[in-house]
mmCIF file of all heavy atoms, coordinates in Angstrom:
data_MODEL
# 
_entry.id   MODEL 
# 
loop_
_atom_site.group_PDB 
_atom_site.id 
_atom_site.type_symbol 
_atom_site.label_atom_id 
_atom_site.label_alt_id 
_atom_site.label_comp_id 
_atom_site.label_asym_id 
_atom_site.label_entity_id 
_atom_site.label_seq_id 
_atom_site.pdbx_PDB_ins_code 
_atom_site.Cartn_x 
_atom_site.Cartn_y 
_atom_site.Cartn_z 
_atom_site.occupancy 
_atom_site.B_iso_or_equiv 
_atom_site.pdbx_formal_charge 
_atom_site.auth_seq_id 
_atom_site.auth_comp_id 
_atom_site.auth_asym_id 
_atom_site.auth_atom_id 
_atom_site.pdbx_PDB_model_num 
ATOM 1   N N   . ALA A 1 1  ? 106.170 93.146  88.849  1.00 0.00 ? 1  ALA A N   1 
ATOM 2   C CA  . ALA A 1 1  ? 107.488 92.734  89.346  1.00 0.00 ? 1  ALA A CA  1 
ATOM 3   C C   . ALA A 1 1  ? 108.483 93.892  89.405  1.00 0.00 ? 1  ALA A C   1 
ATOM 4   O O   . ALA A 1 1  ? 109.378 93.900  90.257  1.00 0.00 ? 1  ALA A O   1 
ATOM 5   C CB  . ALA A 1 1  ? 108.037 91.609  88.473  1.00 0.00 ? 1  ALA A CB  1 
ATOM 6   N N   . ASP A 1 2  ? 108.337 94.880  88.505  1.00 0.00 ? 2  ASP A N   1 
ATOM 7   C CA  . ASP A 1 2  ? 109.347 95.937  88.439  1.00 0.00 ? 2  ASP A CA  1 
ATOM 8   C C   . ASP A 1 2  ? 108.857 97.292  88.935  1.00 0.00 ? 2  ASP A C   1 
ATOM 9   O O   . ASP A 1 2  ? 109.525 98.310  88.730  1.00 0.00 ? 2  ASP A O   1 
ATOM 10  C CB  . ASP A 1 2  ? 109.848 96.081  86.998  1.00 0.00 ? 2  ASP A CB  1 
ATOM 11  C CG  . ASP A 1 2  ? 108.726 96.452  86.037  1.00 0.00 ? 2  ASP A CG  1 
ATOM 12  O OD1 . ASP A 1 2  ? 107.558 96.263  86.405  1.00 0.00 ? 2  ASP A OD1 1 
ATOM 13  O OD2 . ASP A 1 2  ? 109.035 96.914  84.918  1.00 0.00 ? 2  ASP A OD2 1 
ATOM 14  N N   . VAL A 1 3  ? 107.690 97.355  89.578  1.00 0.00 ? 3  VAL A N   1 
ATOM 15  C CA  . VAL A 1 3  ? 107.206 98.649  90.079  1.00 0.00 ? 3  VAL A CA  1 
ATOM 16  C C   . VAL A 1 3  ? 107.753 98.907  91.474  1.00 0.00 ? 3  VAL A C   1 
ATOM 17  O O   . VAL A 1 3  ? 108.127 97.981  92.202  1.00 0.00 ? 3  VAL A O   1 
ATOM 18  C CB  . VAL A 1 3  ? 105.661 98.713  90.101  1.00 0.00 ? 3  VAL A CB  1 
ATOM 19  C CG1 . VAL A 1 3  ? 105.095 98.509  88.712  1.00 0.00 ? 3  VAL A CG1 1 
ATOM 20  C CG2 . VAL A 1 3  ? 105.079 97.724  91.090  1.00 0.00 ? 3  VAL A CG2 1 
ATOM 21  N N   . ASP A 1 4  ? 107.822 100.174 91.819  1.00 0.00 ? 4  ASP A N   1 
ATOM 22  C CA  . ASP A 1 4  ? 108.311 100.558 93.149  1.00 0.00 ? 4  ASP A CA  1 
ATOM 23  C C   . ASP A 1 4  ? 107.205 100.547 94.199  1.00 0.00 ? 4  ASP A C   1 
ATOM 24  O O   . ASP A 1 4  ? 107.458 100.320 95.379  1.00 0.00 ? 4  ASP A O   1 
ATOM 25  C CB  . ASP A 1 4  ? 108.920 101.967 93.099  1.00 0.00 ? 4  ASP A CB  1 
ATOM 26  C CG  . ASP A 1 4  ? 110.107 102.054 92.163  1.00 0.00 ? 4  ASP A CG  1 
ATOM 27  O OD1 . ASP A 1 4  ? 110.952 101.146 92.202  1.00 0.00 ? 4  ASP A OD1 1 
ATOM 28  O OD2 . ASP A 1 4  ? 110.173 103.030 91.392  1.00 0.00 ? 4  ASP A OD2 1 
ATOM 29  N N   . SER A 1 5  ? 105.974 100.842 93.755  1.00 0.00 ? 5  SER A N   1 
ATOM 30  C CA  . SER A 1 5  ? 104.894 101.015 94.715  1.00 0.00 ? 5  SER A CA  1 
ATOM 31  C C   . SER A 1 5  ? 103.575 100.609 94.076  1.00 0.00 ? 5  SER A C   1 
ATOM 32  O O   . SER A 1 5  ? 103.381 100.758 92.869  1.00 0.00 ? 5  SER A O   1 
ATOM 33  C CB  . SER A 1 5  ? 104.841 102.490 95.155  1.00 0.00 ? 5  SER A CB  1 
ATOM 34  O OG  . SER A 1 5  ? 104.107 102.649 96.332  1.00 0.00 ? 5  SER A OG  1 
ATOM 35  N N   . VAL A 1 6  ? 102.659 100.103 94.918  1.00 0.00 ? 6  VAL A N   1 
ATOM 36  C CA  . VAL A 1 6  ? 101.353 99.650  94.441  1.00 0.00 ? 6  VAL A CA  1 
ATOM 37  C C   . VAL A 1 6  ? 100.261 100.306 95.278  1.00 0.00 ? 6  VAL A C   1 
ATOM 38  O O   . VAL A 1 6  ? 100.292 100.253 96.510  1.00 0.00 ? 6  VAL A O   1 
ATOM 39  C CB  . VAL A 1 6  ? 101.219 98.117  94.529  1.00 0.00 ? 6  VAL A CB  1 
ATOM 40  C CG1 . VAL A 1 6  ? 99.823  97.678  94.086  1.00 0.00 ? 6  VAL A CG1 1 
ATOM 41  C CG2 . VAL A 1 6  ? 102.290 97.429  93.691  1.00 0.00 ? 6  VAL A CG2 1 
ATOM 42  N N   . ALA A 1 7  ? 99.292  100.930 94.583  1.00 0.00 ? 7  ALA A N   1 
ATOM 43  C CA  . ALA A 1 7  ? 98.102  101.471 95.235  1.00 0.00 ? 7  ALA A CA  1 
ATOM 44  C C   . ALA A 1 7  ? 96.950  100.505 95.012  1.00 0.00 ? 7  ALA A C   1 
ATOM 45  O O   . ALA A 1 7  ? 96.756  100.016 93.897  1.00 0.00 ? 7  ALA A O   1 
ATOM 46  C CB  . ALA A 1 7  ? 97.763  102.841 94.665  1.00 0.00 ? 7  ALA A CB  1 
ATOM 47  N N   . VAL A 1 8  ? 96.186  100.236 96.064  1.00 0.00 ? 8  VAL A N   1 
ATOM 48  C CA  . VAL A 1 8  ? 95.027  99.344  95.964  1.00 0.00 ? 8  VAL A CA  1 
ATOM 49  C C   . VAL A 1 8  ? 93.798  100.138 96.383  1.00 0.00 ? 8  VAL A C   1 
ATOM 50  O O   . VAL A 1 8  ? 93.718  100.621 97.516  1.00 0.00 ? 8  VAL A O   1 
ATOM 51  C CB  . VAL A 1 8  ? 95.183  98.103  96.853  1.00 0.00 ? 8  VAL A CB  1 
ATOM 52  C CG1 . VAL A 1 8  ? 93.982  97.167  96.661  1.00 0.00 ? 8  VAL A CG1 1 
ATOM 53  C CG2 . VAL A 1 8  ? 96.490  97.376  96.539  1.00 0.00 ? 8  VAL A CG2 1 
ATOM 54  N N   . SER A 1 9  ? 92.852  100.308 95.454  1.00 0.00 ? 9  SER A N   1 
ATOM 55  C CA  . SER A 1 9  ? 91.641  101.077 95.739  1.00 0.00 ? 9  SER A CA  1 
ATOM 56  C C   . SER A 1 9  ? 90.452  100.335 95.148  1.00 0.00 ? 9  SER A C   1 
ATOM 57  O O   . SER A 1 9  ? 90.200  100.390 93.943  1.00 0.00 ? 9  SER A O   1 
ATOM 58  C CB  . SER A 1 9  ? 91.746  102.493 95.138  1.00 0.00 ? 9  SER A CB  1 
ATOM 59  O OG  . SER A 1 9  ? 90.602  103.262 95.454  1.00 0.00 ? 9  SER A OG  1 
ATOM 60  N N   . LEU A 1 10 ? 89.723  99.631  95.999  1.00 0.00 ? 10 LEU A N   1 
ATOM 61  C CA  . LEU A 1 10 ? 88.569  98.840  95.573  1.00 0.00 ? 10 LEU A CA  1 
ATOM 62  C C   . LEU A 1 10 ? 87.277  99.527  96.012  1.00 0.00 ? 10 LEU A C   1 
ATOM 63  O O   . LEU A 1 10 ? 87.244  100.227 97.031  1.00 0.00 ? 10 LEU A O   1 
ATOM 64  C CB  . LEU A 1 10 ? 88.640  97.429  96.162  1.00 0.00 ? 10 LEU A CB  1 
ATOM 65  C CG  . LEU A 1 10 ? 89.916  96.629  95.854  1.00 0.00 ? 10 LEU A CG  1 
ATOM 66  C CD1 . LEU A 1 10 ? 89.821  95.238  96.461  1.00 0.00 ? 10 LEU A CD1 1 
ATOM 67  C CD2 . LEU A 1 10 ? 90.166  96.538  94.352  1.00 0.00 ? 10 LEU A CD2 1 
ATOM 68  N N   . LEU A 1 11 ? 86.230  99.289  95.263  1.00 0.00 ? 11 LEU A N   1 
ATOM 69  C CA  . LEU A 1 11 ? 84.951  99.946  95.491  1.00 0.00 ? 11 LEU A CA  1 
ATOM 70  C C   . LEU A 1 11 ? 84.395  99.615  96.883  1.00 0.00 ? 11 LEU A C   1 
ATOM 71  O O   . LEU A 1 11 ? 84.374  98.453  97.291  1.00 0.00 ? 11 LEU A O   1 
ATOM 72  C CB  . LEU A 1 11 ? 83.961  99.518  94.409  1.00 0.00 ? 11 LEU A CB  1 
ATOM 73  C CG  . LEU A 1 11 ? 82.714  100.381 94.233  1.00 0.00 ? 11 LEU A CG  1 
ATOM 74  C CD1 . LEU A 1 11 ? 83.096  101.784 93.784  1.00 0.00 ? 11 LEU A CD1 1 
ATOM 75  C CD2 . LEU A 1 11 ? 81.772  99.728  93.218  1.00 0.00 ? 11 LEU A CD2 1 
ATOM 76  N N   . TYR A 1 12 ? 83.989  100.656 97.611  1.00 0.00 ? 12 TYR A N   1 
ATOM 77  C CA  . TYR A 1 12 ? 83.366  100.544 98.936  1.00 0.00 ? 12 TYR A CA  1 
ATOM 78  C C   . TYR A 1 12 ? 84.259  99.862  99.975  1.00 0.00 ? 12 TYR A C   1 
ATOM 79  O O   . TYR A 1 12 ? 83.769  99.305  100.959 1.00 0.00 ? 12 TYR A O   1 
ATOM 80  C CB  . TYR A 1 12 ? 82.019  99.808  98.852  1.00 0.00 ? 12 TYR A CB  1 
ATOM 81  C CG  . TYR A 1 12 ? 80.990  100.544 98.040  1.00 0.00 ? 12 TYR A CG  1 
ATOM 82  C CD1 . TYR A 1 12 ? 80.452  99.986  96.884  1.00 0.00 ? 12 TYR A CD1 1 
ATOM 83  C CD2 . TYR A 1 12 ? 80.561  101.810 98.435  1.00 0.00 ? 12 TYR A CD2 1 
ATOM 84  C CE1 . TYR A 1 12 ? 79.514  100.681 96.128  1.00 0.00 ? 12 TYR A CE1 1 
ATOM 85  C CE2 . TYR A 1 12 ? 79.622  102.514 97.688  1.00 0.00 ? 12 TYR A CE2 1 
ATOM 86  C CZ  . TYR A 1 12 ? 79.103  101.940 96.541  1.00 0.00 ? 12 TYR A CZ  1 
ATOM 87  O OH  . TYR A 1 12 ? 78.171  102.636 95.793  1.00 0.00 ? 12 TYR A OH  1 
ATOM 88  N N   . SER A 1 13 ? 85.561  99.939  99.786  1.00 0.00 ? 13 SER A N   1 
ATOM 89  C CA  . SER A 1 13 ? 86.454  99.324  100.778 1.00 0.00 ? 13 SER A CA  1 
ATOM 90  C C   . SER A 1 13 ? 86.416  100.063 102.109 1.00 0.00 ? 13 SER A C   1 
ATOM 91  O O   . SER A 1 13 ? 86.860  99.523  103.127 1.00 0.00 ? 13 SER A O   1 
ATOM 92  C CB  . SER A 1 13 ? 87.889  99.286  100.247 1.00 0.00 ? 13 SER A CB  1 
ATOM 93  O OG  . SER A 1 13 ? 88.367  100.597 99.996  1.00 0.00 ? 13 SER A OG  1 
ATOM 94  N N   . PHE A 1 14 ? 85.890  101.283 102.135 1.00 0.00 ? 14 PHE A N   1 
ATOM 95  C CA  . PHE A 1 14 ? 85.786  101.997 103.417 1.00 0.00 ? 14 PHE A CA  1 
ATOM 96  C C   . PHE A 1 14 ? 84.747  101.359 104.330 1.00 0.00 ? 14 PHE A C   1 
ATOM 97  O O   . PHE A 1 14 ? 84.773  101.558 105.536 1.00 0.00 ? 14 PHE A O   1 
ATOM 98  C CB  . PHE A 1 14 ? 85.473  103.484 103.197 1.00 0.00 ? 14 PHE A CB  1 
ATOM 99  C CG  . PHE A 1 14 ? 84.311  103.767 102.288 1.00 0.00 ? 14 PHE A CG  1 
ATOM 100 C CD1 . PHE A 1 14 ? 83.011  103.714 102.759 1.00 0.00 ? 14 PHE A CD1 1 
ATOM 101 C CD2 . PHE A 1 14 ? 84.517  104.093 100.959 1.00 0.00 ? 14 PHE A CD2 1 
ATOM 102 C CE1 . PHE A 1 14 ? 81.939  103.981 101.925 1.00 0.00 ? 14 PHE A CE1 1 
ATOM 103 C CE2 . PHE A 1 14 ? 83.456  104.362 100.111 1.00 0.00 ? 14 PHE A CE2 1 
ATOM 104 C CZ  . PHE A 1 14 ? 82.156  104.305 100.589 1.00 0.00 ? 14 PHE A CZ  1 
ATOM 105 N N   . GLU A 1 15 ? 83.823  100.570 103.754 1.00 0.00 ? 15 GLU A N   1 
ATOM 106 C CA  . GLU A 1 15 ? 82.854  99.838  104.571 1.00 0.00 ? 15 GLU A CA  1 
ATOM 107 C C   . GLU A 1 15 ? 83.371  98.455  104.960 1.00 0.00 ? 15 GLU A C   1 
ATOM 108 O O   . GLU A 1 15 ? 82.958  97.884  105.968 1.00 0.00 ? 15 GLU A O   1 
ATOM 109 C CB  . GLU A 1 15 ? 81.529  99.690  103.817 1.00 0.00 ? 15 GLU A CB  1 
ATOM 110 C CG  . GLU A 1 15 ? 80.705  100.976 103.724 1.00 0.00 ? 15 GLU A CG  1 
ATOM 111 C CD  . GLU A 1 15 ? 79.897  101.229 104.986 1.00 0.00 ? 15 GLU A CD  1 
ATOM 112 O OE1 . GLU A 1 15 ? 80.053  100.468 105.963 1.00 0.00 ? 15 GLU A OE1 1 
ATOM 113 O OE2 . GLU A 1 15 ? 79.105  102.200 104.999 1.00 0.00 ? 15 GLU A OE2 1 
ATOM 114 N N   . ASN A 1 16 ? 84.289  97.908  104.160 1.00 0.00 ? 16 ASN A N   1 
ATOM 115 C CA  . ASN A 1 16 ? 84.809  96.559  104.409 1.00 0.00 ? 16 ASN A CA  1 
ATOM 116 C C   . ASN A 1 16 ? 86.157  96.450  103.699 1.00 0.00 ? 16 ASN A C   1 
ATOM 117 O O   . ASN A 1 16 ? 86.221  96.458  102.465 1.00 0.00 ? 16 ASN A O   1 
ATOM 118 C CB  . ASN A 1 16 ? 83.829  95.515  103.865 1.00 0.00 ? 16 ASN A CB  1 
ATOM 119 C CG  . ASN A 1 16 ? 84.295  94.088  104.094 1.00 0.00 ? 16 ASN A CG  1 
ATOM 120 O OD1 . ASN A 1 16 ? 85.419  93.840  104.530 1.00 0.00 ? 16 ASN A OD1 1 
ATOM 121 N ND2 . ASN A 1 16 ? 83.435  93.130  103.787 1.00 0.00 ? 16 ASN A ND2 1 
ATOM 122 N N   . ASP A 1 17 ? 87.218  96.369  104.470 1.00 0.00 ? 17 ASP A N   1 
ATOM 123 C CA  . ASP A 1 17 ? 88.560  96.383  103.865 1.00 0.00 ? 17 ASP A CA  1 
ATOM 124 C C   . ASP A 1 17 ? 89.117  94.990  103.592 1.00 0.00 ? 17 ASP A C   1 
ATOM 125 O O   . ASP A 1 17 ? 90.288  94.850  103.231 1.00 0.00 ? 17 ASP A O   1 
ATOM 126 C CB  . ASP A 1 17 ? 89.528  97.156  104.759 1.00 0.00 ? 17 ASP A CB  1 
ATOM 127 C CG  . ASP A 1 17 ? 89.779  96.463  106.101 1.00 0.00 ? 17 ASP A CG  1 
ATOM 128 O OD1 . ASP A 1 17 ? 89.084  95.475  106.402 1.00 0.00 ? 17 ASP A OD1 1 
ATOM 129 O OD2 . ASP A 1 17 ? 90.667  96.922  106.846 1.00 0.00 ? 17 ASP A OD2 1 
ATOM 130 N N   . ALA A 1 18 ? 88.310  93.945  103.745 1.00 0.00 ? 18 ALA A N   1 
ATOM 131 C CA  . ALA A 1 18 ? 88.817  92.572  103.623 1.00 0.00 ? 18 ALA A CA  1 
ATOM 132 C C   . ALA A 1 18 ? 89.427  92.305  102.246 1.00 0.00 ? 18 ALA A C   1 
ATOM 133 O O   . ALA A 1 18 ? 90.490  91.677  102.142 1.00 0.00 ? 18 ALA A O   1 
ATOM 134 C CB  . ALA A 1 18 ? 87.696  91.572  103.910 1.00 0.00 ? 18 ALA A CB  1 
ATOM 135 N N   . HIS A 1 19 ? 88.781  92.751  101.189 1.00 0.00 ? 19 HIS A N   1 
ATOM 136 C CA  . HIS A 1 19 ? 89.300  92.479  99.845  1.00 0.00 ? 19 HIS A CA  1 
ATOM 137 C C   . HIS A 1 19 ? 90.628  93.200  99.605  1.00 0.00 ? 19 HIS A C   1 
ATOM 138 O O   . HIS A 1 19 ? 91.539  92.629  98.990  1.00 0.00 ? 19 HIS A O   1 
ATOM 139 C CB  . HIS A 1 19 ? 88.272  92.895  98.794  1.00 0.00 ? 19 HIS A CB  1 
ATOM 140 C CG  . HIS A 1 19 ? 87.150  91.911  98.633  1.00 0.00 ? 19 HIS A CG  1 
ATOM 141 N ND1 . HIS A 1 19 ? 86.157  92.052  97.697  1.00 0.00 ? 19 HIS A ND1 1 
ATOM 142 C CD2 . HIS A 1 19 ? 86.851  90.772  99.310  1.00 0.00 ? 19 HIS A CD2 1 
ATOM 143 C CE1 . HIS A 1 19 ? 85.297  91.044  97.788  1.00 0.00 ? 19 HIS A CE1 1 
ATOM 144 N NE2 . HIS A 1 19 ? 85.703  90.261  98.778  1.00 0.00 ? 19 HIS A NE2 1 
ATOM 145 N N   . GLU A 1 20 ? 90.746  94.443  100.051 1.00 0.00 ? 20 GLU A N   1 
ATOM 146 C CA  . GLU A 1 20 ? 92.005  95.169  99.852  1.00 0.00 ? 20 GLU A CA  1 
ATOM 147 C C   . GLU A 1 20 ? 93.145  94.488  100.610 1.00 0.00 ? 20 GLU A C   1 
ATOM 148 O O   . GLU A 1 20 ? 94.253  94.327  100.074 1.00 0.00 ? 20 GLU A O   1 
ATOM 149 C CB  . GLU A 1 20 ? 91.861  96.629  100.311 1.00 0.00 ? 20 GLU A CB  1 
ATOM 150 C CG  . GLU A 1 20 ? 91.086  97.489  99.324  1.00 0.00 ? 20 GLU A CG  1 
ATOM 151 C CD  . GLU A 1 20 ? 91.254  98.976  99.570  1.00 0.00 ? 20 GLU A CD  1 
ATOM 152 O OE1 . GLU A 1 20 ? 91.843  99.369  100.603 1.00 0.00 ? 20 GLU A OE1 1 
ATOM 153 O OE2 . GLU A 1 20 ? 90.800  99.754  98.718  1.00 0.00 ? 20 GLU A OE2 1 
ATOM 154 N N   . ARG A 1 21 ? 92.891  94.093  101.833 1.00 0.00 ? 21 ARG A N   1 
ATOM 155 C CA  . ARG A 1 21 ? 93.937  93.419  102.607 1.00 0.00 ? 21 ARG A CA  1 
ATOM 156 C C   . ARG A 1 21 ? 94.339  92.105  101.941 1.00 0.00 ? 21 ARG A C   1 
ATOM 157 O O   . ARG A 1 21 ? 95.520  91.743  101.908 1.00 0.00 ? 21 ARG A O   1 
ATOM 158 C CB  . ARG A 1 21 ? 93.465  93.169  104.039 1.00 0.00 ? 21 ARG A CB  1 
ATOM 159 C CG  . ARG A 1 21 ? 93.392  94.443  104.879 1.00 0.00 ? 21 ARG A CG  1 
ATOM 160 C CD  . ARG A 1 21 ? 93.100  94.178  106.341 1.00 0.00 ? 21 ARG A CD  1 
ATOM 161 N NE  . ARG A 1 21 ? 91.720  93.759  106.569 1.00 0.00 ? 21 ARG A NE  1 
ATOM 162 C CZ  . ARG A 1 21 ? 91.344  92.513  106.842 1.00 0.00 ? 21 ARG A CZ  1 
ATOM 163 N NH1 . ARG A 1 21 ? 92.248  91.537  106.916 1.00 0.00 ? 21 ARG A NH1 1 
ATOM 164 N NH2 . ARG A 1 21 ? 90.061  92.225  107.035 1.00 0.00 ? 21 ARG A NH2 1 
ATOM 165 N N   . ARG A 1 22 ? 93.355  91.395  101.387 1.00 0.00 ? 22 ARG A N   1 
ATOM 166 C CA  . ARG A 1 22 ? 93.650  90.122  100.731 1.00 0.00 ? 22 ARG A CA  1 
ATOM 167 C C   . ARG A 1 22 ? 94.455  90.325  99.453  1.00 0.00 ? 22 ARG A C   1 
ATOM 168 O O   . ARG A 1 22 ? 95.359  89.518  99.149  1.00 0.00 ? 22 ARG A O   1 
ATOM 169 C CB  . ARG A 1 22 ? 92.340  89.395  100.413 1.00 0.00 ? 22 ARG A CB  1 
ATOM 170 C CG  . ARG A 1 22 ? 92.536  87.998  99.830  1.00 0.00 ? 22 ARG A CG  1 
ATOM 171 C CD  . ARG A 1 22 ? 93.329  87.114  100.753 1.00 0.00 ? 22 ARG A CD  1 
ATOM 172 N NE  . ARG A 1 22 ? 93.477  85.761  100.217 1.00 0.00 ? 22 ARG A NE  1 
ATOM 173 C CZ  . ARG A 1 22 ? 94.436  84.912  100.573 1.00 0.00 ? 22 ARG A CZ  1 
ATOM 174 N NH1 . ARG A 1 22 ? 95.337  85.265  101.495 1.00 0.00 ? 22 ARG A NH1 1 
ATOM 175 N NH2 . ARG A 1 22 ? 94.488  83.702  100.046 1.00 0.00 ? 22 ARG A NH2 1 
ATOM 176 N N   . VAL A 1 23 ? 94.181  91.377  98.698  1.00 0.00 ? 23 VAL A N   1 
ATOM 177 C CA  . VAL A 1 23 ? 94.977  91.677  97.500  1.00 0.00 ? 23 VAL A CA  1 
ATOM 178 C C   . VAL A 1 23 ? 96.441  91.859  97.874  1.00 0.00 ? 23 VAL A C   1 
ATOM 179 O O   . VAL A 1 23 ? 97.346  91.317  97.221  1.00 0.00 ? 23 VAL A O   1 
ATOM 180 C CB  . VAL A 1 23 ? 94.434  92.935  96.790  1.00 0.00 ? 23 VAL A CB  1 
ATOM 181 C CG1 . VAL A 1 23 ? 95.421  93.426  95.734  1.00 0.00 ? 23 VAL A CG1 1 
ATOM 182 C CG2 . VAL A 1 23 ? 93.088  92.647  96.136  1.00 0.00 ? 23 VAL A CG2 1 
ATOM 183 N N   . LYS A 1 24 ? 96.692  92.626  98.924  1.00 0.00 ? 24 LYS A N   1 
ATOM 184 C CA  . LYS A 1 24 ? 98.073  92.848  99.371  1.00 0.00 ? 24 LYS A CA  1 
ATOM 185 C C   . LYS A 1 24 ? 98.725  91.524  99.778  1.00 0.00 ? 24 LYS A C   1 
ATOM 186 O O   . LYS A 1 24 ? 99.882  91.244  99.400  1.00 0.00 ? 24 LYS A O   1 
ATOM 187 C CB  . LYS A 1 24 ? 98.080  93.831  100.543 1.00 0.00 ? 24 LYS A CB  1 
ATOM 188 C CG  . LYS A 1 24 ? 99.453  94.129  101.134 1.00 0.00 ? 24 LYS A CG  1 
ATOM 189 C CD  . LYS A 1 24 ? 99.319  95.203  102.208 1.00 0.00 ? 24 LYS A CD  1 
ATOM 190 C CE  . LYS A 1 24 ? 100.676 95.569  102.808 1.00 0.00 ? 24 LYS A CE  1 
ATOM 191 N NZ  . LYS A 1 24 ? 101.205 94.510  103.674 1.00 0.00 ? 24 LYS A NZ  1 
ATOM 192 N N   . GLU A 1 25 ? 98.011  90.712  100.544 1.00 0.00 ? 25 GLU A N   1 
ATOM 193 C CA  . GLU A 1 25 ? 98.561  89.422  100.985 1.00 0.00 ? 25 GLU A CA  1 
ATOM 194 C C   . GLU A 1 25 ? 98.923  88.534  99.793  1.00 0.00 ? 25 GLU A C   1 
ATOM 195 O O   . GLU A 1 25 ? 100.003 87.922  99.756  1.00 0.00 ? 25 GLU A O   1 
ATOM 196 C CB  . GLU A 1 25 ? 97.552  88.699  101.876 1.00 0.00 ? 25 GLU A CB  1 
ATOM 197 C CG  . GLU A 1 25 ? 97.308  89.366  103.214 1.00 0.00 ? 25 GLU A CG  1 
ATOM 198 C CD  . GLU A 1 25 ? 96.136  88.735  103.961 1.00 0.00 ? 25 GLU A CD  1 
ATOM 199 O OE1 . GLU A 1 25 ? 95.536  87.781  103.412 1.00 0.00 ? 25 GLU A OE1 1 
ATOM 200 O OE2 . GLU A 1 25 ? 95.810  89.193  105.076 1.00 0.00 ? 25 GLU A OE2 1 
ATOM 201 N N   . LEU A 1 26 ? 98.031  88.456  98.812  1.00 0.00 ? 26 LEU A N   1 
ATOM 202 C CA  . LEU A 1 26 ? 98.269  87.589  97.651  1.00 0.00 ? 26 LEU A CA  1 
ATOM 203 C C   . LEU A 1 26 ? 99.456  88.060  96.831  1.00 0.00 ? 26 LEU A C   1 
ATOM 204 O O   . LEU A 1 26 ? 100.285 87.250  96.383  1.00 0.00 ? 26 LEU A O   1 
ATOM 205 C CB  . LEU A 1 26 ? 97.011  87.535  96.782  1.00 0.00 ? 26 LEU A CB  1 
ATOM 206 C CG  . LEU A 1 26 ? 95.808  86.793  97.379  1.00 0.00 ? 26 LEU A CG  1 
ATOM 207 C CD1 . LEU A 1 26 ? 94.558  87.041  96.544  1.00 0.00 ? 26 LEU A CD1 1 
ATOM 208 C CD2 . LEU A 1 26 ? 96.100  85.285  97.471  1.00 0.00 ? 26 LEU A CD2 1 
ATOM 209 N N   . LEU A 1 27 ? 99.563  89.365  96.613  1.00 0.00 ? 27 LEU A N   1 
ATOM 210 C CA  . LEU A 1 27 ? 100.665 89.884  95.808  1.00 0.00 ? 27 LEU A CA  1 
ATOM 211 C C   . LEU A 1 27 ? 101.999 89.707  96.527  1.00 0.00 ? 27 LEU A C   1 
ATOM 212 O O   . LEU A 1 27 ? 103.013 89.366  95.895  1.00 0.00 ? 27 LEU A O   1 
ATOM 213 C CB  . LEU A 1 27 ? 100.418 91.352  95.469  1.00 0.00 ? 27 LEU A CB  1 
ATOM 214 C CG  . LEU A 1 27 ? 99.254  91.620  94.506  1.00 0.00 ? 27 LEU A CG  1 
ATOM 215 C CD1 . LEU A 1 27 ? 99.045  93.118  94.317  1.00 0.00 ? 27 LEU A CD1 1 
ATOM 216 C CD2 . LEU A 1 27 ? 99.514  90.956  93.146  1.00 0.00 ? 27 LEU A CD2 1 
# 
């Protein structure tokens, strides 16, 4: 809640970015 920026780096996301995009949407 109090951070300025969030980095999302999930394993093998360069082959499939669906999980990273979903993390951003949920947050």
